[in-house]
Amino acid sequence: MTTQGKQVLLVGPSFHKDQILPNWLGKLGFQCHYADSIRVAIQVLAATRIDLVLCPTSLPDGSGYSLVMPLEGLPITAFLGLCVEEGCIWMAALEQGRNCLGKAAFFPGEFASVLEQLALPQNLPSFGGSPLSQSGVV
């Protein structure tokens, strides 16, 4: 499975290249970029065409919302991670630049399926046939 050069930005000090998620994303064909803060993420976004952003809701220098909401209108899909007792819930924030906060949230197993769909070598259509709507959540 390849992504035709899709780029993912993993934002937050807890993401490291030796972790399971970045390794798995690499196996799906994504090229991973890392930023430990909003400031660094903005620099990466300015220098690199990013297709997917994965970011926690809380970062050392602010809110993940403040990073992804200015990306509205750009061809970027973004998810915000909310840490809970046993893992993380991933909330859809942007789908191809469209604000979709509140429309979908995924537990880790569900989110893995969404990421696999996003990895498929296709142009993502709008909500009608998107990976988010295919999951039955949107």
C-alpha atoms as a PDB file:
ATOM      1  CA  MET A   1       0.000   0.000   0.000  1.00  0.00           C
ATOM      2  CA  THR A   2       1.468   3.394  -0.964  1.00  0.00           C
ATOM      3  CA  THR A   3       0.348   6.954  -0.470  1.00  0.00           C
ATOM      4  CA  GLN A   4       1.960   8.558  -3.512  1.00  0.00           C
ATOM      5  CA  GLY A   5       4.109  10.758  -1.318  1.00  0.00           C
ATOM      6  CA  LYS A   6       1.572  11.733   1.336  1.00  0.00           C
ATOM      7  CA  GLN A   7       3.119  13.655   4.195  1.00  0.00           C
ATOM      8  CA  VAL A   8       2.003  13.518   7.833  1.00  0.00           C
ATOM      9  CA  LEU A   9       2.972  16.024  10.519  1.00  0.00           C
ATOM     10  CA  LEU A  10       3.014  14.577  14.028  1.00  0.00           C
ATOM     11  CA  VAL A  11       2.818  17.460  16.488  1.00  0.00           C
ATOM     12  CA  GLY A  12       3.657  17.200  20.164  1.00  0.00           C
ATOM     13  CA  PRO A  13       6.593  16.306  22.394  1.00  0.00           C
ATOM     14  CA  SER A  14       5.336  12.746  22.838  1.00  0.00           C
ATOM     15  CA  PHE A  15       5.818  11.750  19.171  1.00  0.00           C
ATOM     16  CA  HIS A  16       9.121  10.027  18.402  1.00  0.00           C
ATOM     17  CA  LYS A  17      10.243   8.213  15.284  1.00  0.00           C
ATOM     18  CA  ASP A  18      10.755   4.990  17.220  1.00  0.00           C
ATOM     19  CA  GLN A  19       7.133   4.791  18.414  1.00  0.00           C
ATOM     20  CA  ILE A  20       4.523   2.392  17.097  1.00  0.00           C
ATOM     21  CA  LEU A  21       2.311   5.031  15.395  1.00  0.00           C
ATOM     22  CA  PRO A  22       5.068   6.685  13.308  1.00  0.00           C
ATOM     23  CA  ASN A  23       6.501   3.286  12.358  1.00  0.00           C
ATOM     24  CA  TRP A  24       3.074   2.032  11.327  1.00  0.00           C
ATOM     25  CA  LEU A  25       2.360   5.227   9.345  1.00  0.00           C
ATOM     26  CA  GLY A  26       5.689   4.698   7.563  1.00  0.00           C
ATOM     27  CA  LYS A  27       4.648   1.145   6.660  1.00  0.00           C
ATOM     28  CA  LEU A  28       1.435   2.571   5.203  1.00  0.00           C
ATOM     29  CA  GLY A  29       3.629   4.790   3.016  1.00  0.00           C
ATOM     30  CA  PHE A  30       3.349   8.116   4.795  1.00  0.00           C
ATOM     31  CA  GLN A  31       6.454  10.223   5.244  1.00  0.00           C
ATOM     32  CA  CYS A  32       6.476  11.460   8.852  1.00  0.00           C
ATOM     33  CA  HIS A  33       7.555  14.927   9.942  1.00  0.00           C
ATOM     34  CA  TYR A  34       7.793  15.919  13.592  1.00  0.00           C
ATOM     35  CA  ALA A  35       7.212  19.087  15.577  1.00  0.00           C
ATOM     36  CA  ASP A  36       7.311  19.272  19.352  1.00  0.00           C
ATOM     37  CA  SER A  37       5.419  22.578  19.550  1.00  0.00           C
ATOM     38  CA  ILE A  38       3.032  24.838  17.655  1.00  0.00           C
ATOM     39  CA  ARG A  39       5.934  27.154  16.773  1.00  0.00           C
ATOM     40  CA  VAL A  40       7.901  24.323  15.131  1.00  0.00           C
ATOM     41  CA  ALA A  41       4.747  22.926  13.476  1.00  0.00           C
ATOM     42  CA  ILE A  42       4.098  26.294  11.813  1.00  0.00           C
ATOM     43  CA  GLN A  43       7.660  26.252  10.461  1.00  0.00           C
ATOM     44  CA  VAL A  44       7.210  22.729   9.056  1.00  0.00           C
ATOM     45  CA  LEU A  45       3.827  23.632   7.534  1.00  0.00           C
ATOM     46  CA  ALA A  46       5.379  26.693   5.864  1.00  0.00           C
ATOM     47  CA  ALA A  47       8.229  24.651   4.356  1.00  0.00           C
ATOM     48  CA  THR A  48       6.554  21.322   3.506  1.00  0.00           C
ATOM     49  CA  ARG A  49       3.367  20.254   1.739  1.00  0.00           C
ATOM     50  CA  ILE A  50       1.570  18.373   4.502  1.00  0.00           C
ATOM     51  CA  ASP A  51      -1.484  16.209   3.809  1.00  0.00           C
ATOM     52  CA  LEU A  52      -2.314  15.025   7.327  1.00  0.00           C
ATOM     53  CA  VAL A  53      -1.786  16.574  10.772  1.00  0.00           C
ATOM     54  CA  LEU A  54      -2.066  14.572  13.992  1.00  0.00           C
ATOM     55  CA  CYS A  55      -1.914  16.764  17.058  1.00  0.00           C
ATOM     56  CA  PRO A  56      -2.925  16.557  20.728  1.00  0.00           C
ATOM     57  CA  THR A  57      -5.427  19.071  22.048  1.00  0.00           C
ATOM     58  CA  SER A  58      -2.851  20.326  24.548  1.00  0.00           C
ATOM     59  CA  LEU A  59       0.686  21.333  23.593  1.00  0.00           C
ATOM     60  CA  PRO A  60       3.482  22.970  25.604  1.00  0.00           C
ATOM     61  CA  ASP A  61       2.951  26.304  23.857  1.00  0.00           C
ATOM     62  CA  GLY A  62      -0.844  26.306  23.426  1.00  0.00           C
ATOM     63  CA  SER A  63      -3.866  24.448  22.156  1.00  0.00           C
ATOM     64  CA  GLY A  64      -3.906  22.053  19.238  1.00  0.00           C
ATOM     65  CA  TYR A  65      -7.070  23.838  18.116  1.00  0.00           C
ATOM     66  CA  SER A  66      -5.045  27.013  17.584  1.00  0.00           C
ATOM     67  CA  LEU A  67      -2.760  25.113  15.222  1.00  0.00           C
ATOM     68  CA  VAL A  68      -5.288  23.288  13.056  1.00  0.00           C
ATOM     69  CA  MET A  69      -8.087  25.835  12.756  1.00  0.00           C
ATOM     70  CA  PRO A  70      -5.954  28.320  10.717  1.00  0.00           C
ATOM     71  CA  LEU A  71      -5.403  25.473   8.232  1.00  0.00           C
ATOM     72  CA  GLU A  72      -9.076  25.573   7.262  1.00  0.00           C
ATOM     73  CA  GLY A  73      -9.393  25.963   3.496  1.00  0.00           C
ATOM     74  CA  LEU A  74      -6.064  24.261   2.772  1.00  0.00           C
ATOM     75  CA  PRO A  75      -5.973  20.713   1.356  1.00  0.00           C
ATOM     76  CA  ILE A  76      -5.109  19.250   4.769  1.00  0.00           C
ATOM     77  CA  THR A  77      -6.846  16.654   6.911  1.00  0.00           C
ATOM     78  CA  ALA A  78      -6.276  17.036  10.655  1.00  0.00           C
ATOM     79  CA  PHE A  79      -7.141  15.144  13.809  1.00  0.00           C
ATOM     80  CA  LEU A  80      -6.846  16.259  17.417  1.00  0.00           C
ATOM     81  CA  GLY A  81      -5.953  13.679  20.030  1.00  0.00           C
ATOM     82  CA  LEU A  82      -7.578  13.850  23.439  1.00  0.00           C
ATOM     83  CA  CYS A  83      -5.827  11.712  26.036  1.00  0.00           C
ATOM     84  CA  VAL A  84      -8.133   9.770  28.312  1.00  0.00           C
ATOM     85  CA  GLU A  85      -7.460   7.212  31.030  1.00  0.00           C
ATOM     86  CA  GLU A  86      -6.659   4.344  28.711  1.00  0.00           C
ATOM     87  CA  GLY A  87      -5.389   5.782  25.460  1.00  0.00           C
ATOM     88  CA  CYS A  88      -6.442   8.536  23.141  1.00  0.00           C
ATOM     89  CA  ILE A  89      -9.595   9.571  21.328  1.00  0.00           C
ATOM     90  CA  TRP A  90      -8.945  11.134  17.928  1.00  0.00           C
ATOM     91  CA  MET A  91     -11.361  13.886  16.899  1.00  0.00           C
ATOM     92  CA  ALA A  92     -11.697  14.883  13.267  1.00  0.00           C
ATOM     93  CA  ALA A  93     -10.901  18.592  12.962  1.00  0.00           C
ATOM     94  CA  LEU A  94     -10.401  19.171   9.227  1.00  0.00           C
ATOM     95  CA  GLU A  95     -11.161  17.046   6.221  1.00  0.00           C
ATOM     96  CA  GLN A  96      -9.422  18.354   3.125  1.00  0.00           C
ATOM     97  CA  GLY A  97      -9.590  21.855   4.608  1.00  0.00           C
ATOM     98  CA  ARG A  98     -13.225  21.654   5.684  1.00  0.00           C
ATOM     99  CA  ASN A  99     -13.942  22.157   9.364  1.00  0.00           C
ATOM    100  CA  CYS A 100     -15.477  18.951  10.694  1.00  0.00           C
ATOM    101  CA  LEU A 101     -15.011  19.356  14.448  1.00  0.00           C
ATOM    102  CA  GLY A 102     -17.744  17.562  16.304  1.00  0.00           C
ATOM    103  CA  LYS A 103     -18.643  15.233  13.434  1.00  0.00           C
ATOM    104  CA  ALA A 104     -16.414  12.270  14.249  1.00  0.00           C
ATOM    105  CA  ALA A 105     -14.328  10.906  17.092  1.00  0.00           C
ATOM    106  CA  PHE A 106     -12.461   7.634  16.978  1.00  0.00           C
ATOM    107  CA  PHE A 107     -11.052   5.227  19.523  1.00  0.00           C
ATOM    108  CA  PRO A 108      -7.640   3.772  18.567  1.00  0.00           C
ATOM    109  CA  GLY A 109      -8.961   0.726  16.672  1.00  0.00           C
ATOM    110  CA  GLU A 110     -11.403   2.828  14.675  1.00  0.00           C
ATOM    111  CA  PHE A 111      -8.754   5.469  14.041  1.00  0.00           C
ATOM    112  CA  ALA A 112      -6.394   2.856  12.616  1.00  0.00           C
ATOM    113  CA  SER A 113      -9.029   2.045   9.984  1.00  0.00           C
ATOM    114  CA  VAL A 114      -9.434   5.740   9.139  1.00  0.00           C
ATOM    115  CA  LEU A 115      -5.660   6.121   8.707  1.00  0.00           C
ATOM    116  CA  GLU A 116      -5.576   3.054   6.461  1.00  0.00           C
ATOM    117  CA  GLN A 117      -8.288   4.634   4.291  1.00  0.00           C
ATOM    118  CA  LEU A 118      -6.376   7.915   4.180  1.00  0.00           C
ATOM    119  CA  ALA A 119      -3.300   5.993   3.015  1.00  0.00           C
ATOM    120  CA  LEU A 120      -5.033   4.686  -0.099  1.00  0.00           C
ATOM    121  CA  PRO A 121      -3.611   6.212  -3.290  1.00  0.00           C
ATOM    122  CA  GLN A 122      -6.637   8.247  -4.257  1.00  0.00           C
ATOM    123  CA  ASN A 123      -7.779  11.817  -4.252  1.00  0.00           C
ATOM    124  CA  LEU A 124     -10.022  12.271  -1.254  1.00  0.00           C
ATOM    125  CA  PRO A 125     -13.497  13.386  -2.268  1.00  0.00           C
ATOM    126  CA  SER A 126     -15.621  15.609  -0.088  1.00  0.00           C
ATOM    127  CA  PHE A 127     -17.730  14.168   2.739  1.00  0.00           C
ATOM    128  CA  GLY A 128     -19.927  11.993   0.514  1.00  0.00           C
ATOM    129  CA  GLY A 129     -17.262   9.351  -0.104  1.00  0.00           C
ATOM    130  CA  SER A 130     -14.576  10.274   2.382  1.00  0.00           C
ATOM    131  CA  PRO A 131     -12.834   7.934   4.815  1.00  0.00           C
ATOM    132  CA  LEU A 132     -14.672   9.673   7.639  1.00  0.00           C
ATOM    133  CA  SER A 133     -18.083   9.062   6.152  1.00  0.00           C
ATOM    134  CA  GLN A 134     -17.133   5.512   5.107  1.00  0.00           C
ATOM    135  CA  SER A 135     -16.475   4.750   8.758  1.00  0.00           C
ATOM    136  CA  GLY A 136     -20.144   5.375   9.425  1.00  0.00           C
ATOM    137  CA  VAL A 137     -19.410   8.086  11.985  1.00  0.00           C
ATOM    138  CA  VAL A 138     -19.838  11.262   9.935  1.00  0.00           C
END
